[in-house]
Amino acid sequence: RETRLLDAAHIIDDRDEQGYPLVSNGLSLCSIHHRAFDHDLVGITPDYVVKIRESILQEHDGEMLLHGLQKMHGKKIDLPRSIPSRPDKSLLEIRFEQFSRPA
């Protein structure tokens, strides 16, 4: 909840044709989760469930990885109260398809 540690992450990159500069094309993530999301190590389903890439789930690299990523697998993200501020499900679907492809 420390806002100084949060980044605005695009669901669909703004260089993409569908990457509109709208709040609904974004997620509020800490810098570690932002980087993991950008590199498809973390995905978010259209139903707002966090998925961690299998290779990361199998990795044994200490407490930071365990608590920072692995334990998030299968949990729902917290959503803004304002419906227009929530991540767009159709954009999450597109992005999750990208995440789901083999690395």
PDB file of N, CA and C in Angstrom:
ATOM      1  N   ARG A   1       0.807  -1.207   0.000  1.00  0.00           N
ATOM      2  CA  ARG A   1       0.000   0.000   0.000  1.00  0.00           C
ATOM      3  C   ARG A   1       0.847   1.267   0.000  1.00  0.00           C
ATOM      4  N   GLU A   2       2.159   1.092   0.012  1.00  0.00           N
ATOM      5  CA  GLU A   2       3.068   2.240  -0.045  1.00  0.00           C
ATOM      6  C   GLU A   2       3.130   2.745  -1.486  1.00  0.00           C
ATOM      7  N   THR A   3       2.472   3.849  -1.767  1.00  0.00           N
ATOM      8  CA  THR A   3       2.336   4.339  -3.140  1.00  0.00           C
ATOM      9  C   THR A   3       3.669   4.706  -3.780  1.00  0.00           C
ATOM     10  N   ARG A   4       4.681   5.018  -2.982  1.00  0.00           N
ATOM     11  CA  ARG A   4       5.983   5.369  -3.563  1.00  0.00           C
ATOM     12  C   ARG A   4       6.671   4.150  -4.173  1.00  0.00           C
ATOM     13  N   LEU A   5       6.164   2.952  -3.886  1.00  0.00           N
ATOM     14  CA  LEU A   5       6.741   1.736  -4.450  1.00  0.00           C
ATOM     15  C   LEU A   5       5.935   1.199  -5.633  1.00  0.00           C
ATOM     16  N   LEU A   6       4.887   1.914  -6.041  1.00  0.00           N
ATOM     17  CA  LEU A   6       4.010   1.424  -7.099  1.00  0.00           C
ATOM     18  C   LEU A   6       4.361   2.020  -8.457  1.00  0.00           C
ATOM     19  N   ASP A   7       4.183   1.210  -9.482  1.00  0.00           N
ATOM     20  CA  ASP A   7       4.350   1.612 -10.875  1.00  0.00           C
ATOM     21  C   ASP A   7       3.012   1.459 -11.589  1.00  0.00           C
ATOM     22  N   ALA A   8       2.844   2.220 -12.644  1.00  0.00           N
ATOM     23  CA  ALA A   8       1.697   2.037 -13.532  1.00  0.00           C
ATOM     24  C   ALA A   8       2.168   1.127 -14.667  1.00  0.00           C
ATOM     25  N   ALA A   9       1.655  -0.085 -14.706  1.00  0.00           N
ATOM     26  CA  ALA A   9       2.052  -1.067 -15.718  1.00  0.00           C
ATOM     27  C   ALA A   9       0.973  -1.166 -16.788  1.00  0.00           C
ATOM     28  N   HIS A  10       1.389  -1.148 -18.049  1.00  0.00           N
ATOM     29  CA  HIS A  10       0.446  -1.340 -19.154  1.00  0.00           C
ATOM     30  C   HIS A  10       0.072  -2.807 -19.263  1.00  0.00           C
ATOM     31  N   ILE A  11      -1.196  -3.071 -19.531  1.00  0.00           N
ATOM     32  CA  ILE A  11      -1.612  -4.433 -19.862  1.00  0.00           C
ATOM     33  C   ILE A  11      -1.184  -4.713 -21.295  1.00  0.00           C
ATOM     34  N   ILE A  12      -1.596  -3.861 -22.203  1.00  0.00           N
ATOM     35  CA  ILE A  12      -1.163  -3.902 -23.600  1.00  0.00           C
ATOM     36  C   ILE A  12      -0.239  -2.711 -23.799  1.00  0.00           C
ATOM     37  N   ASP A  13       0.977  -2.962 -24.250  1.00  0.00           N
ATOM     38  CA  ASP A  13       1.980  -1.917 -24.415  1.00  0.00           C
ATOM     39  C   ASP A  13       1.423  -0.748 -25.228  1.00  0.00           C
ATOM     40  N   ASP A  14       1.772   0.463 -24.835  1.00  0.00           N
ATOM     41  CA  ASP A  14       1.228   1.630 -25.523  1.00  0.00           C
ATOM     42  C   ASP A  14       1.726   1.760 -26.965  1.00  0.00           C
ATOM     43  N   ARG A  15       2.749   1.014 -27.344  1.00  0.00           N
ATOM     44  CA  ARG A  15       3.204   1.005 -28.743  1.00  0.00           C
ATOM     45  C   ARG A  15       2.331   0.107 -29.609  1.00  0.00           C
ATOM     46  N   ASP A  16       1.537  -0.750 -28.973  1.00  0.00           N
ATOM     47  CA  ASP A  16       0.638  -1.664 -29.677  1.00  0.00           C
ATOM     48  C   ASP A  16      -0.606  -0.899 -30.124  1.00  0.00           C
ATOM     49  N   GLU A  17      -1.217  -1.380 -31.192  1.00  0.00           N
ATOM     50  CA  GLU A  17      -2.432  -0.751 -31.721  1.00  0.00           C
ATOM     51  C   GLU A  17      -3.549  -0.670 -30.680  1.00  0.00           C
ATOM     52  N   GLN A  18      -3.639  -1.663 -29.780  1.00  0.00           N
ATOM     53  CA  GLN A  18      -4.678  -1.689 -28.749  1.00  0.00           C
ATOM     54  C   GLN A  18      -4.197  -1.130 -27.405  1.00  0.00           C
ATOM     55  N   GLY A  19      -3.007  -0.577 -27.383  1.00  0.00           N
ATOM     56  CA  GLY A  19      -2.429  -0.081 -26.144  1.00  0.00           C
ATOM     57  C   GLY A  19      -2.825   1.349 -25.834  1.00  0.00           C
ATOM     58  N   TYR A  20      -4.088   1.561 -25.633  1.00  0.00           N
ATOM     59  CA  TYR A  20      -4.611   2.894 -25.368  1.00  0.00           C
ATOM     60  C   TYR A  20      -4.123   3.430 -24.025  1.00  0.00           C
ATOM     61  N   PRO A  21      -3.856   4.730 -23.953  1.00  0.00           N
ATOM     62  CA  PRO A  21      -3.423   5.328 -22.685  1.00  0.00           C
ATOM     63  C   PRO A  21      -4.613   5.594 -21.756  1.00  0.00           C
ATOM     64  N   LEU A  22      -5.208   4.505 -21.288  1.00  0.00           N
ATOM     65  CA  LEU A  22      -6.375   4.592 -20.415  1.00  0.00           C
ATOM     66  C   LEU A  22      -6.084   3.864 -19.109  1.00  0.00           C
ATOM     67  N   VAL A  23      -6.732   4.291 -18.047  1.00  0.00           N
ATOM     68  CA  VAL A  23      -6.581   3.632 -16.755  1.00  0.00           C
ATOM     69  C   VAL A  23      -6.943   2.156 -16.867  1.00  0.00           C
ATOM     70  N   SER A  24      -7.950   1.827 -17.659  1.00  0.00           N
ATOM     71  CA  SER A  24      -8.400   0.435 -17.794  1.00  0.00           C
ATOM     72  C   SER A  24      -7.389  -0.452 -18.531  1.00  0.00           C
ATOM     73  N   ASN A  25      -6.360   0.167 -19.125  1.00  0.00           N
ATOM     74  CA  ASN A  25      -5.267  -0.582 -19.753  1.00  0.00           C
ATOM     75  C   ASN A  25      -4.057  -0.617 -18.819  1.00  0.00           C
ATOM     76  N   GLY A  26      -4.324  -0.559 -17.538  1.00  0.00           N
ATOM     77  CA  GLY A  26      -3.215  -0.522 -16.605  1.00  0.00           C
ATOM     78  C   GLY A  26      -3.437  -1.324 -15.349  1.00  0.00           C
ATOM     79  N   LEU A  27      -2.334  -1.565 -14.681  1.00  0.00           N
ATOM     80  CA  LEU A  27      -2.327  -2.233 -13.382  1.00  0.00           C
ATOM     81  C   LEU A  27      -1.381  -1.453 -12.480  1.00  0.00           C
ATOM     82  N   SER A  28      -1.720  -1.357 -11.231  1.00  0.00           N
ATOM     83  CA  SER A  28      -0.837  -0.748 -10.248  1.00  0.00           C
ATOM     84  C   SER A  28      -0.032  -1.867  -9.606  1.00  0.00           C
ATOM     85  N   LEU A  29       1.265  -1.910  -9.913  1.00  0.00           N
ATOM     86  CA  LEU A  29       2.138  -2.982  -9.443  1.00  0.00           C
ATOM     87  C   LEU A  29       3.396  -2.387  -8.825  1.00  0.00           C
ATOM     88  N   CYS A  30       3.988  -3.115  -7.896  1.00  0.00           N
ATOM     89  CA  CYS A  30       5.299  -2.700  -7.406  1.00  0.00           C
ATOM     90  C   CYS A  30       6.300  -2.956  -8.533  1.00  0.00           C
ATOM     91  N   SER A  31       7.482  -2.398  -8.417  1.00  0.00           N
ATOM     92  CA  SER A  31       8.450  -2.498  -9.511  1.00  0.00           C
ATOM     93  C   SER A  31       8.859  -3.947  -9.807  1.00  0.00           C
ATOM     94  N   ILE A  32       8.941  -4.798  -8.793  1.00  0.00           N
ATOM     95  CA  ILE A  32       9.300  -6.208  -9.026  1.00  0.00           C
ATOM     96  C   ILE A  32       8.200  -6.914  -9.816  1.00  0.00           C
ATOM     97  N   HIS A  33       6.943  -6.723  -9.402  1.00  0.00           N
ATOM     98  CA  HIS A  33       5.835  -7.374 -10.101  1.00  0.00           C
ATOM     99  C   HIS A  33       5.631  -6.775 -11.487  1.00  0.00           C
ATOM    100  N   HIS A  34       5.895  -5.485 -11.633  1.00  0.00           N
ATOM    101  CA  HIS A  34       5.804  -4.840 -12.939  1.00  0.00           C
ATOM    102  C   HIS A  34       6.794  -5.491 -13.907  1.00  0.00           C
ATOM    103  N   ARG A  35       8.021  -5.655 -13.465  1.00  0.00           N
ATOM    104  CA  ARG A  35       9.044  -6.271 -14.321  1.00  0.00           C
ATOM    105  C   ARG A  35       8.682  -7.720 -14.644  1.00  0.00           C
ATOM    106  N   ALA A  36       8.208  -8.459 -13.655  1.00  0.00           N
ATOM    107  CA  ALA A  36       7.812  -9.857 -13.874  1.00  0.00           C
ATOM    108  C   ALA A  36       6.639  -9.932 -14.854  1.00  0.00           C
ATOM    109  N   PHE A  37       5.684  -9.014 -14.751  1.00  0.00           N
ATOM    110  CA  PHE A  37       4.539  -8.962 -15.663  1.00  0.00           C
ATOM    111  C   PHE A  37       5.019  -8.638 -17.079  1.00  0.00           C
ATOM    112  N   ASP A  38       5.884  -7.638 -17.214  1.00  0.00           N
ATOM    113  CA  ASP A  38       6.387  -7.245 -18.532  1.00  0.00           C
ATOM    114  C   ASP A  38       7.145  -8.368 -19.217  1.00  0.00           C
ATOM    115  N   HIS A  39       7.778  -9.250 -18.436  1.00  0.00           N
ATOM    116  CA  HIS A  39       8.555 -10.351 -19.006  1.00  0.00           C
ATOM    117  C   HIS A  39       7.787 -11.674 -19.004  1.00  0.00           C
ATOM    118  N   ASP A  40       6.481 -11.599 -18.791  1.00  0.00           N
ATOM    119  CA  ASP A  40       5.600 -12.768 -18.820  1.00  0.00           C
ATOM    120  C   ASP A  40       6.009 -13.861 -17.840  1.00  0.00           C
ATOM    121  N   LEU A  41       6.520 -13.457 -16.701  1.00  0.00           N
ATOM    122  CA  LEU A  41       6.769 -14.387 -15.606  1.00  0.00           C
ATOM    123  C   LEU A  41       5.538 -14.456 -14.715  1.00  0.00           C
ATOM    124  N   VAL A  42       4.732 -13.414 -14.781  1.00  0.00           N
ATOM    125  CA  VAL A  42       3.460 -13.310 -14.064  1.00  0.00           C
ATOM    126  C   VAL A  42       2.391 -12.971 -15.091  1.00  0.00           C
ATOM    127  N   GLY A  43       1.257 -13.641 -14.995  1.00  0.00           N
ATOM    128  CA  GLY A  43       0.114 -13.339 -15.841  1.00  0.00           C
ATOM    129  C   GLY A  43      -1.106 -13.106 -14.966  1.00  0.00           C
ATOM    130  N   ILE A  44      -2.073 -12.400 -15.509  1.00  0.00           N
ATOM    131  CA  ILE A  44      -3.330 -12.157 -14.792  1.00  0.00           C
ATOM    132  C   ILE A  44      -4.461 -12.541 -15.732  1.00  0.00           C
ATOM    133  N   THR A  45      -5.294 -13.454 -15.274  1.00  0.00           N
ATOM    134  CA  THR A  45      -6.405 -13.937 -16.101  1.00  0.00           C
ATOM    135  C   THR A  45      -7.465 -12.857 -16.240  1.00  0.00           C
ATOM    136  N   PRO A  46      -8.374 -13.004 -17.205  1.00  0.00           N
ATOM    137  CA  PRO A  46      -9.476 -12.052 -17.332  1.00  0.00           C
ATOM    138  C   PRO A  46     -10.387 -12.011 -16.092  1.00  0.00           C
ATOM    139  N   ASP A  47     -10.285 -13.026 -15.247  1.00  0.00           N
ATOM    140  CA  ASP A  47     -11.049 -13.042 -13.993  1.00  0.00           C
ATOM    141  C   ASP A  47     -10.210 -12.529 -12.830  1.00  0.00           C
ATOM    142  N   TYR A  48      -9.098 -11.870 -13.150  1.00  0.00           N
ATOM    143  CA  TYR A  48      -8.237 -11.195 -12.165  1.00  0.00           C
ATOM    144  C   TYR A  48      -7.489 -12.147 -11.234  1.00  0.00           C
ATOM    145  N   VAL A  49      -7.157 -13.330 -11.729  1.00  0.00           N
ATOM    146  CA  VAL A  49      -6.409 -14.300 -10.933  1.00  0.00           C
ATOM    147  C   VAL A  49      -4.947 -14.278 -11.387  1.00  0.00           C
ATOM    148  N   VAL A  50      -4.044 -14.221 -10.429  1.00  0.00           N
ATOM    149  CA  VAL A  50      -2.607 -14.200 -10.705  1.00  0.00           C
ATOM    150  C   VAL A  50      -2.118 -15.610 -11.019  1.00  0.00           C
ATOM    151  N   LYS A  51      -1.354 -15.717 -12.078  1.00  0.00           N
ATOM    152  CA  LYS A  51      -0.711 -16.977 -12.454  1.00  0.00           C
ATOM    153  C   LYS A  51       0.785 -16.714 -12.579  1.00  0.00           C
ATOM    154  N   ILE A  52       1.560 -17.617 -12.029  1.00  0.00           N
ATOM    155  CA  ILE A  52       3.011 -17.519 -12.090  1.00  0.00           C
ATOM    156  C   ILE A  52       3.514 -18.588 -13.053  1.00  0.00           C
ATOM    157  N   ARG A  53       4.456 -18.207 -13.906  1.00  0.00           N
ATOM    158  CA  ARG A  53       5.005 -19.153 -14.876  1.00  0.00           C
ATOM    159  C   ARG A  53       5.560 -20.371 -14.143  1.00  0.00           C
ATOM    160  N   GLU A  54       5.303 -21.535 -14.706  1.00  0.00           N
ATOM    161  CA  GLU A  54       5.678 -22.805 -14.073  1.00  0.00           C
ATOM    162  C   GLU A  54       7.162 -22.862 -13.716  1.00  0.00           C
ATOM    163  N   SER A  55       8.009 -22.345 -14.585  1.00  0.00           N
ATOM    164  CA  SER A  55       9.450 -22.375 -14.301  1.00  0.00           C
ATOM    165  C   SER A  55       9.794 -21.589 -13.038  1.00  0.00           C
ATOM    166  N   ILE A  56       9.062 -20.535 -12.764  1.00  0.00           N
ATOM    167  CA  ILE A  56       9.275 -19.741 -11.545  1.00  0.00           C
ATOM    168  C   ILE A  56       8.729 -20.493 -10.337  1.00  0.00           C
ATOM    169  N   LEU A  57       7.604 -21.185 -10.510  1.00  0.00           N
ATOM    170  CA  LEU A  57       7.041 -21.965  -9.402  1.00  0.00           C
ATOM    171  C   LEU A  57       7.982 -23.090  -8.982  1.00  0.00           C
ATOM    172  N   GLN A  58       8.757 -23.623  -9.917  1.00  0.00           N
ATOM    173  CA  GLN A  58       9.656 -24.733  -9.627  1.00  0.00           C
ATOM    174  C   GLN A  58      11.009 -24.275  -9.071  1.00  0.00           C
ATOM    175  N   GLU A  59      11.280 -23.000  -9.178  1.00  0.00           N
ATOM    176  CA  GLU A  59      12.566 -22.441  -8.744  1.00  0.00           C
ATOM    177  C   GLU A  59      12.659 -22.395  -7.222  1.00  0.00           C
ATOM    178  N   HIS A  60      13.817 -22.716  -6.688  1.00  0.00           N
ATOM    179  CA  HIS A  60      14.082 -22.623  -5.242  1.00  0.00           C
ATOM    180  C   HIS A  60      15.191 -21.598  -5.055  1.00  0.00           C
ATOM    181  N   ASP A  61      14.782 -20.380  -4.669  1.00  0.00           N
ATOM    182  CA  ASP A  61      15.761 -19.296  -4.595  1.00  0.00           C
ATOM    183  C   ASP A  61      15.514 -18.386  -3.395  1.00  0.00           C
ATOM    184  N   GLY A  62      14.971 -18.934  -2.344  1.00  0.00           N
ATOM    185  CA  GLY A  62      14.862 -18.169  -1.110  1.00  0.00           C
ATOM    186  C   GLY A  62      13.514 -17.516  -0.863  1.00  0.00           C
ATOM    187  N   GLU A  63      13.491 -16.794   0.229  1.00  0.00           N
ATOM    188  CA  GLU A  63      12.255 -16.201   0.739  1.00  0.00           C
ATOM    189  C   GLU A  63      11.648 -15.147  -0.177  1.00  0.00           C
ATOM    190  N   MET A  64      12.475 -14.335  -0.804  1.00  0.00           N
ATOM    191  CA  MET A  64      11.948 -13.270  -1.661  1.00  0.00           C
ATOM    192  C   MET A  64      11.136 -13.843  -2.816  1.00  0.00           C
ATOM    193  N   LEU A  65      11.667 -14.845  -3.477  1.00  0.00           N
ATOM    194  CA  LEU A  65      10.943 -15.472  -4.582  1.00  0.00           C
ATOM    195  C   LEU A  65       9.687 -16.174  -4.064  1.00  0.00           C
ATOM    196  N   LEU A  66       9.831 -16.876  -2.961  1.00  0.00           N
ATOM    197  CA  LEU A  66       8.698 -17.606  -2.394  1.00  0.00           C
ATOM    198  C   LEU A  66       7.549 -16.670  -2.042  1.00  0.00           C
ATOM    199  N   HIS A  67       7.845 -15.636  -1.265  1.00  0.00           N
ATOM    200  CA  HIS A  67       6.784 -14.730  -0.801  1.00  0.00           C
ATOM    201  C   HIS A  67       6.433 -13.659  -1.836  1.00  0.00           C
ATOM    202  N   GLY A  68       7.411 -13.250  -2.633  1.00  0.00           N
ATOM    203  CA  GLY A  68       7.175 -12.185  -3.599  1.00  0.00           C
ATOM    204  C   GLY A  68       6.436 -12.616  -4.846  1.00  0.00           C
ATOM    205  N   LEU A  69       6.593 -13.874  -5.241  1.00  0.00           N
ATOM    206  CA  LEU A  69       5.943 -14.347  -6.468  1.00  0.00           C
ATOM    207  C   LEU A  69       5.193 -15.655  -6.277  1.00  0.00           C
ATOM    208  N   GLN A  70       5.878 -16.688  -5.855  1.00  0.00           N
ATOM    209  CA  GLN A  70       5.293 -18.029  -5.848  1.00  0.00           C
ATOM    210  C   GLN A  70       4.007 -18.117  -5.036  1.00  0.00           C
ATOM    211  N   LYS A  71       3.935 -17.479  -3.895  1.00  0.00           N
ATOM    212  CA  LYS A  71       2.736 -17.567  -3.056  1.00  0.00           C
ATOM    213  C   LYS A  71       1.567 -16.740  -3.604  1.00  0.00           C
ATOM    214  N   MET A  72       1.817 -15.955  -4.638  1.00  0.00           N
ATOM    215  CA  MET A  72       0.737 -15.179  -5.260  1.00  0.00           C
ATOM    216  C   MET A  72      -0.050 -16.017  -6.268  1.00  0.00           C
ATOM    217  N   HIS A  73       0.525 -17.139  -6.691  1.00  0.00           N
ATOM    218  CA  HIS A  73      -0.109 -17.996  -7.697  1.00  0.00           C
ATOM    219  C   HIS A  73      -1.510 -18.405  -7.240  1.00  0.00           C
ATOM    220  N   GLY A  74      -2.504 -18.098  -8.079  1.00  0.00           N
ATOM    221  CA  GLY A  74      -3.884 -18.482  -7.795  1.00  0.00           C
ATOM    222  C   GLY A  74      -4.677 -17.480  -6.983  1.00  0.00           C
ATOM    223  N   LYS A  75      -4.053 -16.389  -6.551  1.00  0.00           N
ATOM    224  CA  LYS A  75      -4.771 -15.377  -5.766  1.00  0.00           C
ATOM    225  C   LYS A  75      -5.368 -14.328  -6.687  1.00  0.00           C
ATOM    226  N   LYS A  76      -6.469 -13.746  -6.254  1.00  0.00           N
ATOM    227  CA  LYS A  76      -7.093 -12.659  -7.013  1.00  0.00           C
ATOM    228  C   LYS A  76      -6.432 -11.332  -6.657  1.00  0.00           C
ATOM    229  N   ILE A  77      -6.340 -10.457  -7.651  1.00  0.00           N
ATOM    230  CA  ILE A  77      -5.790  -9.131  -7.389  1.00  0.00           C
ATOM    231  C   ILE A  77      -6.856  -8.271  -6.717  1.00  0.00           C
ATOM    232  N   ASP A  78      -6.423  -7.276  -5.976  1.00  0.00           N
ATOM    233  CA  ASP A  78      -7.336  -6.288  -5.406  1.00  0.00           C
ATOM    234  C   ASP A  78      -7.748  -5.340  -6.526  1.00  0.00           C
ATOM    235  N   LEU A  79      -9.030  -5.062  -6.607  1.00  0.00           N
ATOM    236  CA  LEU A  79      -9.543  -4.202  -7.669  1.00  0.00           C
ATOM    237  C   LEU A  79      -9.929  -2.832  -7.126  1.00  0.00           C
ATOM    238  N   PRO A  80      -9.800  -1.806  -7.957  1.00  0.00           N
ATOM    239  CA  PRO A  80     -10.299  -0.492  -7.557  1.00  0.00           C
ATOM    240  C   PRO A  80     -11.807  -0.545  -7.333  1.00  0.00           C
ATOM    241  N   ARG A  81     -12.299   0.256  -6.431  1.00  0.00           N
ATOM    242  CA  ARG A  81     -13.757   0.311  -6.198  1.00  0.00           C
ATOM    243  C   ARG A  81     -14.488   0.837  -7.422  1.00  0.00           C
ATOM    244  N   SER A  82     -13.872   1.779  -8.093  1.00  0.00           N
ATOM    245  CA  SER A  82     -14.458   2.396  -9.279  1.00  0.00           C
ATOM    246  C   SER A  82     -14.375   1.423 -10.455  1.00  0.00           C
ATOM    247  N   ILE A  83     -15.526   1.016 -10.969  1.00  0.00           N
ATOM    248  CA  ILE A  83     -15.557   0.049 -12.079  1.00  0.00           C
ATOM    249  C   ILE A  83     -14.791   0.560 -13.308  1.00  0.00           C
ATOM    250  N   PRO A  84     -14.929   1.840 -13.713  1.00  0.00           N
ATOM    251  CA  PRO A  84     -14.155   2.303 -14.876  1.00  0.00           C
ATOM    252  C   PRO A  84     -12.636   2.276 -14.660  1.00  0.00           C
ATOM    253  N   SER A  85     -12.192   2.209 -13.420  1.00  0.00           N
ATOM    254  CA  SER A  85     -10.758   2.173 -13.122  1.00  0.00           C
ATOM    255  C   SER A  85     -10.196   0.750 -13.081  1.00  0.00           C
ATOM    256  N   ARG A  86     -11.060  -0.232 -13.202  1.00  0.00           N
ATOM    257  CA  ARG A  86     -10.608  -1.618 -13.145  1.00  0.00           C
ATOM    258  C   ARG A  86      -9.941  -2.029 -14.452  1.00  0.00           C
ATOM    259  N   PRO A  87      -8.999  -2.962 -14.375  1.00  0.00           N
ATOM    260  CA  PRO A  87      -8.368  -3.458 -15.604  1.00  0.00           C
ATOM    261  C   PRO A  87      -9.397  -4.083 -16.544  1.00  0.00           C
ATOM    262  N   ASP A  88      -9.293  -3.740 -17.808  1.00  0.00           N
ATOM    263  CA  ASP A  88     -10.212  -4.220 -18.835  1.00  0.00           C
ATOM    264  C   ASP A  88     -10.020  -5.723 -19.041  1.00  0.00           C
ATOM    265  N   LYS A  89     -11.089  -6.485 -18.869  1.00  0.00           N
ATOM    266  CA  LYS A  89     -11.022  -7.948 -18.978  1.00  0.00           C
ATOM    267  C   LYS A  89     -10.611  -8.405 -20.377  1.00  0.00           C
ATOM    268  N   SER A  90     -11.055  -7.701 -21.404  1.00  0.00           N
ATOM    269  CA  SER A  90     -10.698  -8.114 -22.771  1.00  0.00           C
ATOM    270  C   SER A  90      -9.205  -7.887 -23.031  1.00  0.00           C
ATOM    271  N   LEU A  91      -8.636  -6.836 -22.462  1.00  0.00           N
ATOM    272  CA  LEU A  91      -7.198  -6.603 -22.607  1.00  0.00           C
ATOM    273  C   LEU A  91      -6.404  -7.629 -21.800  1.00  0.00           C
ATOM    274  N   LEU A  92      -6.906  -7.964 -20.613  1.00  0.00           N
ATOM    275  CA  LEU A  92      -6.252  -9.008 -19.818  1.00  0.00           C
ATOM    276  C   LEU A  92      -6.278 -10.347 -20.556  1.00  0.00           C
ATOM    277  N   GLU A  93      -7.370 -10.615 -21.268  1.00  0.00           N
ATOM    278  CA  GLU A  93      -7.466 -11.867 -22.025  1.00  0.00           C
ATOM    279  C   GLU A  93      -6.393 -11.930 -23.110  1.00  0.00           C
ATOM    280  N   ILE A  94      -6.224 -10.831 -23.824  1.00  0.00           N
ATOM    281  CA  ILE A  94      -5.196 -10.766 -24.871  1.00  0.00           C
ATOM    282  C   ILE A  94      -3.818 -10.979 -24.251  1.00  0.00           C
ATOM    283  N   ARG A  95      -3.573 -10.271 -23.172  1.00  0.00           N
ATOM    284  CA  ARG A  95      -2.257 -10.361 -22.528  1.00  0.00           C
ATOM    285  C   ARG A  95      -2.029 -11.745 -21.915  1.00  0.00           C
ATOM    286  N   PHE A  96      -3.084 -12.346 -21.351  1.00  0.00           N
ATOM    287  CA  PHE A  96      -2.927 -13.662 -20.743  1.00  0.00           C
ATOM    288  C   PHE A  96      -2.630 -14.727 -21.797  1.00  0.00           C
ATOM    289  N   GLU A  97      -3.165 -14.551 -22.988  1.00  0.00           N
ATOM    290  CA  GLU A  97      -2.836 -15.471 -24.089  1.00  0.00           C
ATOM    291  C   GLU A  97      -1.342 -15.399 -24.386  1.00  0.00           C
ATOM    292  N   GLN A  98      -0.803 -14.200 -24.361  1.00  0.00           N
ATOM    293  CA  GLN A  98       0.645 -14.007 -24.571  1.00  0.00           C
ATOM    294  C   GLN A  98       1.426 -14.709 -23.456  1.00  0.00           C
ATOM    295  N   PHE A  99       1.019 -14.526 -22.216  1.00  0.00           N
ATOM    296  CA  PHE A  99       1.663 -15.171 -21.075  1.00  0.00           C
ATOM    297  C   PHE A  99       1.607 -16.703 -21.194  1.00  0.00           C
ATOM    298  N   SER A 100       0.507 -17.216 -21.700  1.00  0.00           N
ATOM    299  CA  SER A 100       0.273 -18.656 -21.749  1.00  0.00           C
ATOM    300  C   SER A 100       1.087 -19.388 -22.799  1.00  0.00           C
ATOM    301  N   ARG A 101       1.653 -18.645 -23.736  1.00  0.00           N
ATOM    302  CA  ARG A 101       2.489 -19.285 -24.760  1.00  0.00           C
ATOM    303  C   ARG A 101       3.761 -19.824 -24.123  1.00  0.00           C
ATOM    304  N   PRO A 102       4.287 -20.916 -24.665  1.00  0.00           N
ATOM    305  CA  PRO A 102       5.548 -21.451 -24.122  1.00  0.00           C
ATOM    306  C   PRO A 102       6.651 -20.406 -24.186  1.00  0.00           C
ATOM    307  N   ALA A 103       7.470 -20.402 -23.166  1.00  0.00           N
ATOM    308  CA  ALA A 103       8.574 -19.420 -23.085  1.00  0.00           C
ATOM    309  C   ALA A 103       9.674 -19.738 -24.069  1.00  0.00           C
TER     310      ALA A 103
END
